[in-house]
Amino acid sequence: MAEQDFYTVIELAERLDCSVSGINLKLKNEPDFPKPIPTAKRAVRKWRKRDIDIYLGVHVEPAISLEALPPQLIRALSIVVQEAVQKGLNDVMNAPRHD
């Protein structure tokens, strides 16, 4: 990965519009906040931009294209996704109404 694929703690604080201590609070108090990646210099903390984008709910291009997967795996994934969507729809349709 290139250097531009990462945020330093200062860049991350700017991106999230908070202070460095705000980043530290997020690390301590928010279990879903991305952890910094290990670097050669322990004092230097960096975060993958992709991890932060996912945390913020920004659309992120997939890390792997489906075309790179074997056809059997694509079929299996398709079935799993279809079943999950159907279950979700069934759950919504069968949920009690609160009128």
C-alpha atoms as a PDB file:
ATOM      1  CA  MET A   1       0.000   0.000   0.000  1.00  0.00           C
ATOM      2  CA  ALA A   2       1.159   3.480  -0.793  1.00  0.00           C
ATOM      3  CA  GLU A   3       1.704   6.147   1.848  1.00  0.00           C
ATOM      4  CA  GLN A   4      -1.374   8.029   0.602  1.00  0.00           C
ATOM      5  CA  ASP A   5      -3.565   5.058   1.583  1.00  0.00           C
ATOM      6  CA  PHE A   6      -3.125   5.916   5.275  1.00  0.00           C
ATOM      7  CA  TYR A   7      -3.979   8.658   7.752  1.00  0.00           C
ATOM      8  CA  THR A   8      -1.611   9.809  10.466  1.00  0.00           C
ATOM      9  CA  VAL A   9      -3.285  10.619  13.776  1.00  0.00           C
ATOM     10  CA  ILE A  10      -3.230  14.333  12.909  1.00  0.00           C
ATOM     11  CA  GLU A  11      -4.746  13.737   9.458  1.00  0.00           C
ATOM     12  CA  LEU A  12      -7.357  11.458  10.991  1.00  0.00           C
ATOM     13  CA  ALA A  13      -8.273  14.069  13.597  1.00  0.00           C
ATOM     14  CA  GLU A  14      -8.730  16.598  10.769  1.00  0.00           C
ATOM     15  CA  ARG A  15     -10.817  14.105   8.756  1.00  0.00           C
ATOM     16  CA  LEU A  16     -13.082  13.440  11.747  1.00  0.00           C
ATOM     17  CA  ASP A  17     -13.108  17.095  12.811  1.00  0.00           C
ATOM     18  CA  CYS A  18     -11.824  16.354  16.292  1.00  0.00           C
ATOM     19  CA  SER A  19      -8.613  16.586  18.293  1.00  0.00           C
ATOM     20  CA  VAL A  20      -5.914  13.955  18.712  1.00  0.00           C
ATOM     21  CA  SER A  21      -7.277  13.353  22.219  1.00  0.00           C
ATOM     22  CA  GLY A  22     -10.698  12.835  20.577  1.00  0.00           C
ATOM     23  CA  ILE A  23      -9.158  10.050  18.492  1.00  0.00           C
ATOM     24  CA  ASN A  24      -7.734   8.514  21.664  1.00  0.00           C
ATOM     25  CA  LEU A  25     -11.183   8.669  23.298  1.00  0.00           C
ATOM     26  CA  LYS A  26     -12.740   6.968  20.284  1.00  0.00           C
ATOM     27  CA  LEU A  27     -10.120   4.216  20.473  1.00  0.00           C
ATOM     28  CA  LYS A  28     -10.883   3.719  24.150  1.00  0.00           C
ATOM     29  CA  ASN A  29     -14.676   4.039  24.117  1.00  0.00           C
ATOM     30  CA  GLU A  30     -15.896   2.926  20.680  1.00  0.00           C
ATOM     31  CA  PRO A  31     -15.352  -0.788  20.049  1.00  0.00           C
ATOM     32  CA  ASP A  32     -16.115  -0.399  16.321  1.00  0.00           C
ATOM     33  CA  PHE A  33     -13.614   2.439  15.804  1.00  0.00           C
ATOM     34  CA  PRO A  34     -10.771   1.184  13.559  1.00  0.00           C
ATOM     35  CA  LYS A  35      -7.516   0.373  15.304  1.00  0.00           C
ATOM     36  CA  PRO A  36      -4.261   1.800  13.964  1.00  0.00           C
ATOM     37  CA  ILE A  37      -2.104  -0.553  11.961  1.00  0.00           C
ATOM     38  CA  PRO A  38       1.254  -1.693  13.314  1.00  0.00           C
ATOM     39  CA  THR A  39       4.193   0.310  12.014  1.00  0.00           C
ATOM     40  CA  ALA A  40       7.955  -0.017  12.376  1.00  0.00           C
ATOM     41  CA  LYS A  41       7.952   3.007  14.673  1.00  0.00           C
ATOM     42  CA  ARG A  42       5.650   2.304  17.600  1.00  0.00           C
ATOM     43  CA  ALA A  43       5.157   6.021  18.254  1.00  0.00           C
ATOM     44  CA  VAL A  44       3.778   6.521  14.718  1.00  0.00           C
ATOM     45  CA  ARG A  45       0.143   5.507  14.441  1.00  0.00           C
ATOM     46  CA  LYS A  46      -1.516   5.134  11.046  1.00  0.00           C
ATOM     47  CA  TRP A  47      -5.000   4.117   9.957  1.00  0.00           C
ATOM     48  CA  ARG A  48      -6.007   2.672   6.616  1.00  0.00           C
ATOM     49  CA  LYS A  49      -8.181   5.190   4.761  1.00  0.00           C
ATOM     50  CA  ARG A  50     -10.374   2.293   3.658  1.00  0.00           C
ATOM     51  CA  ASP A  51     -11.061   1.309   7.299  1.00  0.00           C
ATOM     52  CA  ILE A  52     -12.016   4.884   8.180  1.00  0.00           C
ATOM     53  CA  ASP A  53     -14.264   5.194   5.131  1.00  0.00           C
ATOM     54  CA  ILE A  54     -16.052   1.997   6.130  1.00  0.00           C
ATOM     55  CA  TYR A  55     -16.405   3.287   9.705  1.00  0.00           C
ATOM     56  CA  LEU A  56     -17.920   6.517   8.359  1.00  0.00           C
ATOM     57  CA  GLY A  57     -20.244   4.636   6.023  1.00  0.00           C
ATOM     58  CA  VAL A  58     -18.620   6.003   2.879  1.00  0.00           C
ATOM     59  CA  HIS A  59     -18.994   3.840  -0.226  1.00  0.00           C
ATOM     60  CA  VAL A  60     -15.830   1.813  -0.668  1.00  0.00           C
ATOM     61  CA  GLU A  61     -14.925  -0.159  -3.758  1.00  0.00           C
ATOM     62  CA  PRO A  62     -14.620  -3.877  -3.025  1.00  0.00           C
ATOM     63  CA  ALA A  63     -11.131  -5.129  -2.283  1.00  0.00           C
ATOM     64  CA  ILE A  64     -11.624  -8.009  -4.699  1.00  0.00           C
ATOM     65  CA  SER A  65     -13.632  -8.215  -7.874  1.00  0.00           C
ATOM     66  CA  LEU A  66     -16.136 -11.016  -8.281  1.00  0.00           C
ATOM     67  CA  GLU A  67     -14.594 -11.841 -11.636  1.00  0.00           C
ATOM     68  CA  ALA A  68     -11.465 -12.975  -9.774  1.00  0.00           C
ATOM     69  CA  LEU A  69     -13.416 -15.649  -7.877  1.00  0.00           C
ATOM     70  CA  PRO A  70     -14.066 -19.185  -9.088  1.00  0.00           C
ATOM     71  CA  PRO A  71     -17.580 -19.648 -10.565  1.00  0.00           C
ATOM     72  CA  GLN A  72     -18.535 -22.197  -7.873  1.00  0.00           C
ATOM     73  CA  LEU A  73     -17.761 -19.685  -5.141  1.00  0.00           C
ATOM     74  CA  ILE A  74     -19.725 -16.952  -6.899  1.00  0.00           C
ATOM     75  CA  ARG A  75     -22.754 -19.282  -7.105  1.00  0.00           C
ATOM     76  CA  ALA A  76     -22.423 -20.204  -3.425  1.00  0.00           C
ATOM     77  CA  LEU A  77     -22.142 -16.549  -2.407  1.00  0.00           C
ATOM     78  CA  SER A  78     -25.141 -15.690  -4.536  1.00  0.00           C
ATOM     79  CA  ILE A  79     -27.241 -18.350  -2.788  1.00  0.00           C
ATOM     80  CA  VAL A  80     -26.134 -17.162   0.663  1.00  0.00           C
ATOM     81  CA  VAL A  81     -26.969 -13.543  -0.178  1.00  0.00           C
ATOM     82  CA  GLN A  82     -30.365 -14.481  -1.634  1.00  0.00           C
ATOM     83  CA  GLU A  83     -31.231 -16.522   1.455  1.00  0.00           C
ATOM     84  CA  ALA A  84     -30.139 -13.715   3.778  1.00  0.00           C
ATOM     85  CA  VAL A  85     -32.210 -11.160   1.868  1.00  0.00           C
ATOM     86  CA  GLN A  86     -35.234 -13.468   1.889  1.00  0.00           C
ATOM     87  CA  LYS A  87     -34.873 -14.048   5.635  1.00  0.00           C
ATOM     88  CA  GLY A  88     -34.630 -10.302   6.213  1.00  0.00           C
ATOM     89  CA  LEU A  89     -37.753  -9.707   4.142  1.00  0.00           C
ATOM     90  CA  ASN A  90     -39.607 -12.455   5.997  1.00  0.00           C
ATOM     91  CA  ASP A  91     -38.553 -10.975   9.341  1.00  0.00           C
ATOM     92  CA  VAL A  92     -39.825  -7.546   8.287  1.00  0.00           C
ATOM     93  CA  MET A  93     -43.095  -8.913   6.921  1.00  0.00           C
ATOM     94  CA  ASN A  94     -43.726 -11.006  10.038  1.00  0.00           C
ATOM     95  CA  ALA A  95     -42.754  -8.344  12.556  1.00  0.00           C
ATOM     96  CA  PRO A  96     -45.573  -7.164  14.808  1.00  0.00           C
ATOM     97  CA  ARG A  97     -47.164  -3.919  13.676  1.00  0.00           C
ATOM     98  CA  HIS A  98     -47.248  -0.954  15.994  1.00  0.00           C
ATOM     99  CA  ASP A  99     -50.138   1.096  14.618  1.00  0.00           C
END
